[in-house]
Amino acid sequence: MRRKAVLFDLDGTLINSLPDISGCMNTVLERHGLPVHPQNAYRLFIGNGSRVMAGRAAGNVPAETVEALYADYCPLYAAHCYDLSYVYDGMRELLAALRSDGMRLAVFSNKEDPDVLSMINHYFPAGIFEVIRGHLPHMPLKPDPAGALAIAAEMGVDPAECWYLGDTAVDINTCHAAGMELIAVSWGFRSVEELIAAGAERIVAKPAQALEVIRAEG
């Protein structure tokens, strides 16, 4: 089957957002008198949405504290989500090549939907992505496949006609559950060992390698 579309995770796949996520969350932790973490610690906190990330960063605290952290984090991050973040080297070239090949592109993230739209519009030219989707209140978070399947339906393509690029076990599980074809990326937030343990069939180290796989396998 010739594939027609590519879904991209955002954080750790398209963009290195770790500096702004960690900086904003640490600011909020400080406000609440909680310990902060080095930037690299957030590699393991990220992936299941901002509320879960806040809970992981906070540690053993009451649920209401997590909710307060999350409530403070969201507007702060929205105001600073592209202070220090950057597009990974080779990513713009990958997107341009895929578009030139006739591939249809989408973004699917567990980050809040307005932040996803804001970041994509800030970092990429208009029209590159046909669908830009973050977490919506009525839709379960990844790794539930409902959001990925909804994007495929919106684009009018079969899930089996979609590639899916992501950098975490959450993405791998989402892709498998949705019946899409996976390309795991090792330039993101998780290790190659974790990607392998999660069931990644293909792992690429550079965006150009993802293009080679897509062109070779269709």
N, C-alpha and C. Protein backbone atom coordinates (compact mmCIF):
# COMPACT_ATOMS: atom_id res chain seq x y z
N MET A 1 0.84 -1.20 0.00
CA MET A 1 0.00 0.00 0.00
C MET A 1 0.88 1.25 0.00
N ARG A 2 0.61 2.14 -0.93
CA ARG A 2 1.35 3.39 -0.99
C ARG A 2 0.80 4.35 0.06
N ARG A 3 1.67 4.83 0.93
CA ARG A 3 1.21 5.72 2.00
C ARG A 3 1.09 7.14 1.49
N LYS A 4 0.14 7.87 2.09
CA LYS A 4 -0.22 9.19 1.58
C LYS A 4 0.02 10.32 2.56
N ALA A 5 0.20 10.01 3.85
CA ALA A 5 0.26 11.05 4.86
C ALA A 5 1.31 10.71 5.92
N VAL A 6 1.79 11.76 6.59
CA VAL A 6 2.74 11.60 7.68
C VAL A 6 2.25 12.41 8.87
N LEU A 7 2.08 11.76 10.01
CA LEU A 7 1.74 12.44 11.26
C LEU A 7 3.01 12.61 12.08
N PHE A 8 3.21 13.82 12.59
CA PHE A 8 4.39 14.13 13.40
C PHE A 8 3.97 14.46 14.83
N ASP A 9 4.65 13.86 15.78
CA ASP A 9 4.62 14.37 17.14
C ASP A 9 5.32 15.74 17.13
N LEU A 10 5.09 16.55 18.16
CA LEU A 10 5.68 17.89 18.20
C LEU A 10 6.94 17.92 19.07
N ASP A 11 6.77 17.81 20.39
CA ASP A 11 7.90 17.94 21.32
C ASP A 11 8.85 16.76 21.18
N GLY A 12 10.11 17.05 20.87
CA GLY A 12 11.10 16.00 20.72
C GLY A 12 11.12 15.37 19.35
N THR A 13 10.25 15.80 18.46
CA THR A 13 10.22 15.26 17.10
C THR A 13 10.41 16.39 16.09
N LEU A 14 9.51 17.35 16.08
CA LEU A 14 9.67 18.53 15.22
C LEU A 14 10.55 19.59 15.88
N ILE A 15 10.33 19.79 17.18
CA ILE A 15 10.93 20.92 17.90
C ILE A 15 11.55 20.44 19.21
N ASN A 16 12.71 20.99 19.53
CA ASN A 16 13.26 20.79 20.86
C ASN A 16 12.68 21.86 21.77
N SER A 17 11.65 21.51 22.48
CA SER A 17 10.94 22.42 23.37
C SER A 17 11.37 22.28 24.82
N LEU A 18 12.37 21.44 25.07
CA LEU A 18 12.78 21.15 26.44
C LEU A 18 13.18 22.39 27.23
N PRO A 19 13.92 23.35 26.63
CA PRO A 19 14.33 24.51 27.43
C PRO A 19 13.15 25.32 27.97
N ASP A 20 12.12 25.53 27.16
CA ASP A 20 11.00 26.35 27.61
C ASP A 20 10.06 25.58 28.54
N ILE A 21 9.85 24.29 28.26
CA ILE A 21 9.01 23.49 29.15
C ILE A 21 9.64 23.41 30.54
N SER A 22 10.91 23.08 30.60
CA SER A 22 11.58 22.94 31.89
C SER A 22 11.68 24.28 32.61
N GLY A 23 11.98 25.34 31.87
CA GLY A 23 12.09 26.65 32.49
C GLY A 23 10.78 27.12 33.09
N CYS A 24 9.69 26.94 32.35
CA CYS A 24 8.39 27.37 32.85
C CYS A 24 7.93 26.52 34.03
N MET A 25 8.13 25.20 33.93
CA MET A 25 7.69 24.34 35.04
C MET A 25 8.51 24.60 36.28
N ASN A 26 9.81 24.83 36.13
CA ASN A 26 10.64 25.14 37.29
C ASN A 26 10.22 26.46 37.93
N THR A 27 9.84 27.43 37.13
CA THR A 27 9.34 28.70 37.68
C THR A 27 8.11 28.47 38.54
N VAL A 28 7.21 27.64 38.04
CA VAL A 28 5.98 27.35 38.77
C VAL A 28 6.29 26.57 40.05
N LEU A 29 7.18 25.60 39.97
CA LEU A 29 7.56 24.84 41.17
C LEU A 29 8.12 25.77 42.23
N GLU A 30 8.97 26.69 41.82
CA GLU A 30 9.54 27.65 42.76
C GLU A 30 8.46 28.49 43.43
N ARG A 31 7.48 28.91 42.66
CA ARG A 31 6.38 29.71 43.21
C ARG A 31 5.65 28.95 44.31
N HIS A 32 5.60 27.64 44.17
CA HIS A 32 4.87 26.83 45.14
C HIS A 32 5.79 26.22 46.20
N GLY A 33 7.03 26.68 46.23
CA GLY A 33 7.95 26.20 47.24
C GLY A 33 8.40 24.77 47.08
N LEU A 34 8.41 24.27 45.84
CA LEU A 34 8.80 22.90 45.56
C LEU A 34 10.16 22.86 44.87
N PRO A 35 10.88 21.76 45.00
CA PRO A 35 12.20 21.66 44.36
C PRO A 35 12.10 21.71 42.84
N VAL A 36 13.12 22.28 42.23
CA VAL A 36 13.20 22.33 40.77
C VAL A 36 14.10 21.21 40.27
N HIS A 37 14.16 21.05 38.93
CA HIS A 37 14.90 19.94 38.33
C HIS A 37 15.80 20.44 37.22
N PRO A 38 16.90 19.75 36.95
CA PRO A 38 17.72 20.09 35.78
C PRO A 38 16.93 19.84 34.50
N GLN A 39 17.30 20.56 33.48
CA GLN A 39 16.55 20.46 32.22
C GLN A 39 16.41 19.04 31.72
N ASN A 40 17.47 18.26 31.78
CA ASN A 40 17.41 16.91 31.23
C ASN A 40 16.44 16.01 31.97
N ALA A 41 16.14 16.31 33.23
CA ALA A 41 15.17 15.50 33.96
C ALA A 41 13.80 15.53 33.30
N TYR A 42 13.52 16.63 32.62
CA TYR A 42 12.21 16.77 31.99
C TYR A 42 12.03 15.86 30.78
N ARG A 43 13.10 15.29 30.28
CA ARG A 43 12.97 14.32 29.20
C ARG A 43 12.06 13.16 29.61
N LEU A 44 12.11 12.80 30.88
CA LEU A 44 11.29 11.70 31.37
C LEU A 44 9.94 12.15 31.91
N PHE A 45 9.77 13.44 32.10
CA PHE A 45 8.49 13.97 32.59
C PHE A 45 7.51 14.20 31.44
N ILE A 46 8.04 14.48 30.26
CA ILE A 46 7.23 14.90 29.11
C ILE A 46 6.70 13.68 28.36
N GLY A 47 5.52 13.85 27.75
CA GLY A 47 5.01 12.81 26.85
C GLY A 47 3.55 12.49 27.03
N ASN A 48 3.04 12.69 28.25
CA ASN A 48 1.65 12.33 28.53
C ASN A 48 0.78 13.54 28.83
N GLY A 49 1.19 14.70 28.35
CA GLY A 49 0.41 15.91 28.58
C GLY A 49 0.95 16.72 29.74
N SER A 50 0.57 17.99 29.78
CA SER A 50 1.14 18.94 30.75
C SER A 50 0.71 18.64 32.18
N ARG A 51 -0.50 18.15 32.37
CA ARG A 51 -0.95 17.86 33.74
C ARG A 51 -0.13 16.71 34.33
N VAL A 52 0.08 15.68 33.56
CA VAL A 52 0.89 14.56 34.03
C VAL A 52 2.33 15.01 34.25
N MET A 53 2.84 15.84 33.35
CA MET A 53 4.19 16.37 33.52
C MET A 53 4.32 17.16 34.82
N ALA A 54 3.32 17.97 35.13
CA ALA A 54 3.34 18.73 36.38
C ALA A 54 3.38 17.78 37.59
N GLY A 55 2.62 16.72 37.54
CA GLY A 55 2.62 15.75 38.63
C GLY A 55 3.95 15.04 38.78
N ARG A 56 4.56 14.69 37.66
CA ARG A 56 5.87 14.03 37.73
C ARG A 56 6.93 14.98 38.28
N ALA A 57 6.87 16.24 37.87
CA ALA A 57 7.84 17.21 38.36
C ALA A 57 7.65 17.50 39.84
N ALA A 58 6.40 17.50 40.28
CA ALA A 58 6.11 17.83 41.68
C ALA A 58 6.44 16.70 42.64
N GLY A 59 6.32 15.47 42.16
CA GLY A 59 6.60 14.33 43.03
C GLY A 59 5.39 13.99 43.89
N ASN A 60 5.64 13.59 45.11
CA ASN A 60 4.59 13.10 46.00
C ASN A 60 3.88 14.27 46.69
N VAL A 61 2.92 14.85 45.98
CA VAL A 61 2.14 15.97 46.51
C VAL A 61 0.66 15.66 46.31
N PRO A 62 -0.22 16.32 47.04
CA PRO A 62 -1.66 16.09 46.85
C PRO A 62 -2.13 16.45 45.45
N ALA A 63 -3.23 15.84 45.04
CA ALA A 63 -3.78 16.08 43.70
C ALA A 63 -4.12 17.55 43.49
N GLU A 64 -4.60 18.21 44.54
CA GLU A 64 -4.96 19.62 44.37
C GLU A 64 -3.73 20.49 44.12
N THR A 65 -2.58 20.07 44.63
CA THR A 65 -1.34 20.80 44.34
C THR A 65 -0.95 20.64 42.88
N VAL A 66 -1.10 19.44 42.37
CA VAL A 66 -0.82 19.21 40.95
C VAL A 66 -1.73 20.08 40.09
N GLU A 67 -3.00 20.16 40.45
CA GLU A 67 -3.93 20.98 39.68
C GLU A 67 -3.54 22.46 39.73
N ALA A 68 -3.07 22.91 40.88
CA ALA A 68 -2.64 24.30 41.01
C ALA A 68 -1.39 24.56 40.17
N LEU A 69 -0.47 23.63 40.16
CA LEU A 69 0.72 23.75 39.34
C LEU A 69 0.36 23.80 37.86
N TYR A 70 -0.51 22.90 37.47
CA TYR A 70 -0.95 22.84 36.07
C TYR A 70 -1.64 24.15 35.67
N ALA A 71 -2.49 24.66 36.53
CA ALA A 71 -3.21 25.90 36.24
C ALA A 71 -2.25 27.08 36.09
N ASP A 72 -1.18 27.10 36.89
CA ASP A 72 -0.19 28.17 36.78
C ASP A 72 0.72 27.99 35.57
N TYR A 73 1.03 26.74 35.27
CA TYR A 73 1.95 26.44 34.18
C TYR A 73 1.37 26.82 32.82
N CYS A 74 0.12 26.52 32.58
CA CYS A 74 -0.45 26.67 31.23
C CYS A 74 -0.33 28.09 30.69
N PRO A 75 -0.77 29.13 31.41
CA PRO A 75 -0.62 30.48 30.85
C PRO A 75 0.83 30.93 30.76
N LEU A 76 1.66 30.49 31.70
CA LEU A 76 3.07 30.87 31.65
C LEU A 76 3.73 30.27 30.41
N TYR A 77 3.48 28.99 30.17
CA TYR A 77 4.07 28.35 29.01
C TYR A 77 3.54 28.94 27.71
N ALA A 78 2.26 29.26 27.67
CA ALA A 78 1.68 29.85 26.46
C ALA A 78 2.38 31.16 26.11
N ALA A 79 2.83 31.88 27.12
CA ALA A 79 3.51 33.16 26.88
C ALA A 79 4.98 32.99 26.55
N HIS A 80 5.54 31.81 26.82
CA HIS A 80 6.99 31.62 26.66
C HIS A 80 7.33 30.35 25.90
N CYS A 81 6.42 29.83 25.10
CA CYS A 81 6.63 28.52 24.47
C CYS A 81 7.62 28.56 23.32
N TYR A 82 8.03 29.74 22.87
CA TYR A 82 9.09 29.79 21.86
C TYR A 82 10.18 30.78 22.21
N ASP A 83 10.47 30.92 23.50
CA ASP A 83 11.60 31.75 23.92
C ASP A 83 12.93 31.11 23.52
N LEU A 84 13.08 29.83 23.86
CA LEU A 84 14.36 29.13 23.64
C LEU A 84 14.23 27.86 22.80
N SER A 85 13.02 27.46 22.49
CA SER A 85 12.81 26.24 21.71
C SER A 85 13.30 26.46 20.27
N TYR A 86 13.57 25.36 19.58
CA TYR A 86 14.05 25.48 18.19
C TYR A 86 13.70 24.23 17.39
N VAL A 87 13.61 24.41 16.09
CA VAL A 87 13.34 23.31 15.17
C VAL A 87 14.62 22.48 15.00
N TYR A 88 14.48 21.18 15.03
CA TYR A 88 15.64 20.31 14.86
C TYR A 88 16.27 20.49 13.48
N ASP A 89 17.59 20.38 13.44
CA ASP A 89 18.32 20.50 12.18
C ASP A 89 17.81 19.47 11.17
N GLY A 90 17.56 19.93 9.96
CA GLY A 90 17.11 19.05 8.89
C GLY A 90 15.61 18.85 8.82
N MET A 91 14.87 19.35 9.82
CA MET A 91 13.43 19.10 9.84
C MET A 91 12.71 19.90 8.76
N ARG A 92 13.06 21.16 8.59
CA ARG A 92 12.39 21.95 7.55
C ARG A 92 12.65 21.35 6.17
N GLU A 93 13.86 20.85 5.96
CA GLU A 93 14.18 20.22 4.68
C GLU A 93 13.37 18.94 4.48
N LEU A 94 13.20 18.17 5.56
CA LEU A 94 12.38 16.96 5.47
C LEU A 94 10.95 17.30 5.09
N LEU A 95 10.38 18.29 5.75
CA LEU A 95 9.00 18.66 5.46
C LEU A 95 8.83 19.13 4.02
N ALA A 96 9.79 19.94 3.55
CA ALA A 96 9.71 20.44 2.17
C ALA A 96 9.81 19.30 1.17
N ALA A 97 10.69 18.33 1.45
CA ALA A 97 10.84 17.19 0.55
C ALA A 97 9.59 16.33 0.52
N LEU A 98 9.00 16.10 1.69
CA LEU A 98 7.77 15.30 1.75
C LEU A 98 6.64 15.98 1.00
N ARG A 99 6.51 17.27 1.17
CA ARG A 99 5.48 18.01 0.44
C ARG A 99 5.72 17.93 -1.07
N SER A 100 6.98 18.04 -1.45
CA SER A 100 7.33 17.94 -2.87
C SER A 100 6.99 16.57 -3.43
N ASP A 101 7.09 15.55 -2.60
CA ASP A 101 6.75 14.19 -3.01
C ASP A 101 5.25 13.94 -3.01
N GLY A 102 4.47 14.91 -2.58
CA GLY A 102 3.02 14.75 -2.56
C GLY A 102 2.45 14.22 -1.27
N MET A 103 3.29 14.12 -0.22
CA MET A 103 2.79 13.64 1.06
C MET A 103 1.97 14.73 1.76
N ARG A 104 0.93 14.30 2.44
CA ARG A 104 0.11 15.19 3.24
C ARG A 104 0.58 15.09 4.69
N LEU A 105 0.72 16.23 5.36
CA LEU A 105 1.38 16.28 6.66
C LEU A 105 0.43 16.77 7.75
N ALA A 106 0.61 16.21 8.95
CA ALA A 106 -0.19 16.62 10.11
C ALA A 106 0.68 16.60 11.35
N VAL A 107 0.25 17.34 12.37
CA VAL A 107 0.90 17.37 13.67
C VAL A 107 -0.09 16.86 14.70
N PHE A 108 0.38 15.97 15.58
CA PHE A 108 -0.48 15.44 16.63
C PHE A 108 0.31 15.37 17.93
N SER A 109 -0.12 16.14 18.93
CA SER A 109 0.62 16.28 20.18
C SER A 109 -0.31 16.15 21.37
N ASN A 110 0.25 15.75 22.52
CA ASN A 110 -0.49 15.79 23.78
C ASN A 110 -0.43 17.16 24.44
N LYS A 111 0.35 18.07 23.88
CA LYS A 111 0.39 19.45 24.38
C LYS A 111 -0.98 20.10 24.13
N GLU A 112 -1.32 21.12 24.93
CA GLU A 112 -2.60 21.79 24.76
C GLU A 112 -2.74 22.33 23.34
N ASP A 113 -3.92 22.19 22.76
CA ASP A 113 -4.15 22.51 21.36
C ASP A 113 -3.76 23.95 21.00
N PRO A 114 -4.10 24.97 21.78
CA PRO A 114 -3.70 26.33 21.40
C PRO A 114 -2.18 26.50 21.35
N ASP A 115 -1.45 25.83 22.24
CA ASP A 115 0.01 25.93 22.23
C ASP A 115 0.59 25.26 20.99
N VAL A 116 0.02 24.13 20.60
CA VAL A 116 0.50 23.45 19.40
C VAL A 116 0.31 24.35 18.18
N LEU A 117 -0.85 24.93 18.04
CA LEU A 117 -1.12 25.82 16.90
C LEU A 117 -0.18 27.02 16.92
N SER A 118 0.01 27.60 18.10
CA SER A 118 0.88 28.76 18.23
C SER A 118 2.31 28.42 17.82
N MET A 119 2.82 27.29 18.27
CA MET A 119 4.20 26.92 17.97
C MET A 119 4.38 26.60 16.50
N ILE A 120 3.46 25.86 15.92
CA ILE A 120 3.58 25.51 14.50
C ILE A 120 3.52 26.78 13.64
N ASN A 121 2.62 27.68 13.98
CA ASN A 121 2.52 28.92 13.20
C ASN A 121 3.77 29.79 13.37
N HIS A 122 4.42 29.68 14.52
CA HIS A 122 5.62 30.47 14.77
C HIS A 122 6.83 29.92 14.03
N TYR A 123 6.97 28.60 14.00
CA TYR A 123 8.20 27.99 13.50
C TYR A 123 8.16 27.54 12.05
N PHE A 124 6.96 27.37 11.49
CA PHE A 124 6.86 26.81 10.15
C PHE A 124 5.99 27.68 9.25
N PRO A 125 6.25 27.66 7.94
CA PRO A 125 5.42 28.44 7.01
C PRO A 125 3.97 27.95 7.02
N ALA A 126 3.08 28.85 6.75
CA ALA A 126 1.66 28.49 6.68
C ALA A 126 1.44 27.47 5.56
N GLY A 127 0.56 26.52 5.84
CA GLY A 127 0.16 25.56 4.81
C GLY A 127 1.00 24.31 4.73
N ILE A 128 2.09 24.23 5.51
CA ILE A 128 2.91 23.01 5.48
C ILE A 128 2.11 21.82 6.00
N PHE A 129 1.37 22.04 7.09
CA PHE A 129 0.60 20.98 7.72
C PHE A 129 -0.88 21.14 7.42
N GLU A 130 -1.48 20.06 6.99
CA GLU A 130 -2.91 20.08 6.68
C GLU A 130 -3.76 20.08 7.95
N VAL A 131 -3.33 19.35 8.97
CA VAL A 131 -4.02 19.30 10.25
C VAL A 131 -3.00 19.55 11.35
N ILE A 132 -3.34 20.41 12.29
CA ILE A 132 -2.50 20.71 13.45
C ILE A 132 -3.35 20.48 14.69
N ARG A 133 -2.98 19.48 15.48
CA ARG A 133 -3.87 19.06 16.54
C ARG A 133 -3.13 18.79 17.84
N GLY A 134 -3.54 19.45 18.89
CA GLY A 134 -3.07 19.15 20.23
C GLY A 134 -4.19 18.51 21.03
N HIS A 135 -4.01 18.52 22.35
CA HIS A 135 -5.02 17.88 23.20
C HIS A 135 -6.28 18.74 23.26
N LEU A 136 -7.41 18.10 23.00
CA LEU A 136 -8.72 18.73 23.09
C LEU A 136 -9.50 18.09 24.23
N PRO A 137 -10.35 18.85 24.91
CA PRO A 137 -11.04 18.31 26.10
C PRO A 137 -11.84 17.04 25.85
N HIS A 138 -12.40 16.91 24.66
CA HIS A 138 -13.27 15.75 24.40
C HIS A 138 -12.50 14.53 23.91
N MET A 139 -11.18 14.67 23.73
CA MET A 139 -10.39 13.60 23.12
C MET A 139 -9.39 13.04 24.13
N PRO A 140 -9.29 11.72 24.27
CA PRO A 140 -8.30 11.17 25.20
C PRO A 140 -6.87 11.45 24.73
N LEU A 141 -5.97 11.52 25.68
CA LEU A 141 -4.56 11.72 25.36
C LEU A 141 -3.95 10.49 24.71
N LYS A 142 -2.90 10.68 23.95
CA LYS A 142 -2.08 9.55 23.53
C LYS A 142 -1.55 8.85 24.78
N PRO A 143 -1.43 7.53 24.79
CA PRO A 143 -1.39 6.62 23.66
C PRO A 143 -2.74 6.10 23.16
N ASP A 144 -3.84 6.60 23.69
CA ASP A 144 -5.12 6.25 23.08
C ASP A 144 -5.07 6.66 21.62
N PRO A 145 -5.47 5.79 20.69
CA PRO A 145 -5.33 6.11 19.27
C PRO A 145 -6.43 6.99 18.70
N ALA A 146 -7.41 7.37 19.52
CA ALA A 146 -8.58 8.08 18.99
C ALA A 146 -8.20 9.36 18.26
N GLY A 147 -7.27 10.12 18.80
CA GLY A 147 -6.88 11.37 18.16
C GLY A 147 -6.20 11.14 16.83
N ALA A 148 -5.31 10.17 16.76
CA ALA A 148 -4.64 9.85 15.50
C ALA A 148 -5.64 9.37 14.46
N LEU A 149 -6.57 8.54 14.88
CA LEU A 149 -7.59 8.04 13.95
C LEU A 149 -8.50 9.17 13.47
N ALA A 150 -8.79 10.12 14.35
CA ALA A 150 -9.62 11.26 13.95
C ALA A 150 -8.91 12.12 12.92
N ILE A 151 -7.60 12.28 13.06
CA ILE A 151 -6.84 13.05 12.07
C ILE A 151 -6.86 12.34 10.73
N ALA A 152 -6.64 11.03 10.73
CA ALA A 152 -6.69 10.27 9.47
C ALA A 152 -8.05 10.41 8.81
N ALA A 153 -9.11 10.32 9.61
CA ALA A 153 -10.46 10.46 9.06
C ALA A 153 -10.68 11.86 8.49
N GLU A 154 -10.19 12.86 9.20
CA GLU A 154 -10.34 14.24 8.72
C GLU A 154 -9.61 14.46 7.40
N MET A 155 -8.48 13.78 7.24
CA MET A 155 -7.71 13.90 6.01
C MET A 155 -8.23 12.99 4.90
N GLY A 156 -9.12 12.09 5.26
CA GLY A 156 -9.69 11.18 4.27
C GLY A 156 -8.73 10.08 3.84
N VAL A 157 -7.85 9.66 4.76
CA VAL A 157 -6.92 8.58 4.45
C VAL A 157 -7.11 7.44 5.43
N ASP A 158 -6.81 6.25 4.99
CA ASP A 158 -6.86 5.08 5.86
C ASP A 158 -5.69 5.14 6.82
N PRO A 159 -5.85 4.72 8.08
CA PRO A 159 -4.71 4.71 9.00
C PRO A 159 -3.51 3.96 8.45
N ALA A 160 -3.75 2.88 7.72
CA ALA A 160 -2.64 2.11 7.15
C ALA A 160 -1.89 2.87 6.08
N GLU A 161 -2.46 3.97 5.61
CA GLU A 161 -1.80 4.81 4.61
C GLU A 161 -0.97 5.93 5.25
N CYS A 162 -0.82 5.87 6.59
CA CYS A 162 -0.14 6.95 7.32
C CYS A 162 1.17 6.46 7.94
N TRP A 163 2.21 7.26 7.77
CA TRP A 163 3.41 7.16 8.58
C TRP A 163 3.18 7.95 9.87
N TYR A 164 3.90 7.57 10.92
CA TYR A 164 3.81 8.29 12.19
C TYR A 164 5.22 8.43 12.74
N LEU A 165 5.67 9.67 12.95
CA LEU A 165 6.99 9.94 13.52
C LEU A 165 6.86 10.44 14.94
N GLY A 166 7.58 9.80 15.87
CA GLY A 166 7.55 10.23 17.26
C GLY A 166 8.79 9.77 18.00
N ASP A 167 8.97 10.30 19.21
CA ASP A 167 10.23 10.08 19.94
C ASP A 167 10.07 9.38 21.27
N THR A 168 8.87 8.91 21.62
CA THR A 168 8.66 8.29 22.92
C THR A 168 7.85 7.00 22.79
N ALA A 169 7.84 6.24 23.89
CA ALA A 169 7.00 5.04 23.93
C ALA A 169 5.53 5.40 23.76
N VAL A 170 5.13 6.57 24.24
CA VAL A 170 3.75 7.02 24.04
C VAL A 170 3.43 7.08 22.56
N ASP A 171 4.33 7.62 21.76
CA ASP A 171 4.10 7.71 20.32
C ASP A 171 4.09 6.33 19.68
N ILE A 172 5.01 5.48 20.10
CA ILE A 172 5.06 4.14 19.54
C ILE A 172 3.76 3.39 19.81
N ASN A 173 3.28 3.46 21.04
CA ASN A 173 2.03 2.77 21.39
C ASN A 173 0.84 3.37 20.65
N THR A 174 0.83 4.68 20.49
CA THR A 174 -0.25 5.33 19.74
C THR A 174 -0.27 4.85 18.31
N CYS A 175 0.90 4.86 17.69
CA CYS A 175 1.01 4.45 16.30
C CYS A 175 0.55 3.01 16.10
N HIS A 176 1.03 2.12 16.93
CA HIS A 176 0.65 0.71 16.80
C HIS A 176 -0.85 0.52 17.00
N ALA A 177 -1.40 1.20 18.00
CA ALA A 177 -2.84 1.06 18.27
C ALA A 177 -3.69 1.61 17.13
N ALA A 178 -3.17 2.63 16.44
CA ALA A 178 -3.91 3.24 15.34
C ALA A 178 -3.74 2.49 14.03
N GLY A 179 -2.83 1.55 13.98
CA GLY A 179 -2.60 0.80 12.75
C GLY A 179 -1.83 1.59 11.71
N MET A 180 -0.98 2.50 12.17
CA MET A 180 -0.14 3.29 11.28
C MET A 180 1.26 2.71 11.22
N GLU A 181 2.10 3.26 10.34
CA GLU A 181 3.46 2.75 10.15
C GLU A 181 4.44 3.65 10.88
N LEU A 182 5.24 3.07 11.75
CA LEU A 182 6.05 3.85 12.68
C LEU A 182 7.44 4.14 12.14
N ILE A 183 7.90 5.38 12.40
CA ILE A 183 9.31 5.72 12.35
C ILE A 183 9.62 6.41 13.68
N ALA A 184 10.40 5.74 14.54
CA ALA A 184 10.80 6.33 15.80
C ALA A 184 12.06 7.16 15.58
N VAL A 185 12.17 8.29 16.27
CA VAL A 185 13.30 9.18 16.08
C VAL A 185 14.14 9.23 17.35
N SER A 186 15.46 9.19 17.18
CA SER A 186 16.34 9.14 18.34
C SER A 186 16.92 10.50 18.70
N TRP A 187 16.55 11.55 17.97
CA TRP A 187 17.07 12.89 18.30
C TRP A 187 16.21 13.59 19.36
N GLY A 188 15.17 12.93 19.84
CA GLY A 188 14.24 13.56 20.77
C GLY A 188 14.60 13.35 22.22
N PHE A 189 13.57 13.07 23.04
CA PHE A 189 13.72 13.11 24.49
C PHE A 189 14.01 11.75 25.14
N ARG A 190 13.90 10.67 24.39
CA ARG A 190 14.08 9.35 24.99
C ARG A 190 15.20 8.59 24.30
N SER A 191 15.74 7.59 24.99
CA SER A 191 16.89 6.86 24.49
C SER A 191 16.49 5.82 23.46
N VAL A 192 17.49 5.41 22.67
CA VAL A 192 17.27 4.33 21.71
C VAL A 192 16.82 3.07 22.43
N GLU A 193 17.41 2.80 23.58
CA GLU A 193 17.05 1.59 24.32
C GLU A 193 15.57 1.59 24.71
N GLU A 194 15.07 2.74 25.12
CA GLU A 194 13.66 2.83 25.47
C GLU A 194 12.78 2.63 24.25
N LEU A 195 13.18 3.21 23.12
CA LEU A 195 12.40 3.06 21.90
C LEU A 195 12.34 1.59 21.47
N ILE A 196 13.47 0.91 21.56
CA ILE A 196 13.50 -0.51 21.21
C ILE A 196 12.61 -1.32 22.15
N ALA A 197 12.72 -1.04 23.45
CA ALA A 197 11.91 -1.77 24.43
C ALA A 197 10.42 -1.55 24.22
N ALA A 198 10.06 -0.39 23.69
CA ALA A 198 8.65 -0.08 23.43
C ALA A 198 8.14 -0.70 22.14
N GLY A 199 9.03 -1.28 21.35
CA GLY A 199 8.60 -1.98 20.14
C GLY A 199 8.83 -1.24 18.84
N ALA A 200 9.78 -0.31 18.83
CA ALA A 200 10.06 0.43 17.60
C ALA A 200 10.69 -0.50 16.56
N GLU A 201 10.11 -0.54 15.38
CA GLU A 201 10.64 -1.37 14.29
C GLU A 201 11.75 -0.65 13.53
N ARG A 202 11.62 0.67 13.44
CA ARG A 202 12.61 1.49 12.74
C ARG A 202 12.96 2.67 13.64
N ILE A 203 14.24 2.96 13.73
CA ILE A 203 14.69 4.13 14.48
C ILE A 203 15.65 4.90 13.59
N VAL A 204 15.41 6.18 13.43
CA VAL A 204 16.28 7.01 12.61
C VAL A 204 16.93 8.07 13.49
N ALA A 205 18.16 8.46 13.12
CA ALA A 205 18.93 9.42 13.91
C ALA A 205 18.89 10.82 13.35
N LYS A 206 18.44 10.98 12.09
CA LYS A 206 18.39 12.28 11.45
C LYS A 206 17.13 12.37 10.58
N PRO A 207 16.58 13.57 10.41
CA PRO A 207 15.42 13.72 9.53
C PRO A 207 15.66 13.19 8.12
N ALA A 208 16.87 13.34 7.60
CA ALA A 208 17.16 12.85 6.25
C ALA A 208 16.99 11.34 6.16
N GLN A 209 17.26 10.63 7.25
CA GLN A 209 17.08 9.19 7.26
C GLN A 209 15.60 8.81 7.22
N ALA A 210 14.77 9.63 7.87
CA ALA A 210 13.33 9.40 7.80
C ALA A 210 12.84 9.54 6.36
N LEU A 211 13.36 10.52 5.65
CA LEU A 211 12.98 10.69 4.25
C LEU A 211 13.39 9.48 3.42
N GLU A 212 14.57 8.95 3.69
CA GLU A 212 15.03 7.77 2.96
C GLU A 212 14.09 6.59 3.19
N VAL A 213 13.67 6.39 4.43
CA VAL A 213 12.75 5.28 4.74
C VAL A 213 11.42 5.46 4.03
N ILE A 214 10.88 6.66 4.09
CA ILE A 214 9.57 6.93 3.49
C ILE A 214 9.62 6.75 1.98
N ARG A 215 10.69 7.24 1.36
CA ARG A 215 10.80 7.09 -0.09
C ARG A 215 11.06 5.63 -0.50
N ALA A 216 11.79 4.90 0.32
CA ALA A 216 12.12 3.52 -0.01
C ALA A 216 10.94 2.59 0.17
N GLU A 217 10.16 2.84 1.21
CA GLU A 217 9.09 1.91 1.58
C GLU A 217 7.71 2.36 1.13
N GLY A 218 7.60 3.60 0.67
CA GLY A 218 6.33 4.06 0.14
C GLY A 218 5.32 4.42 1.19
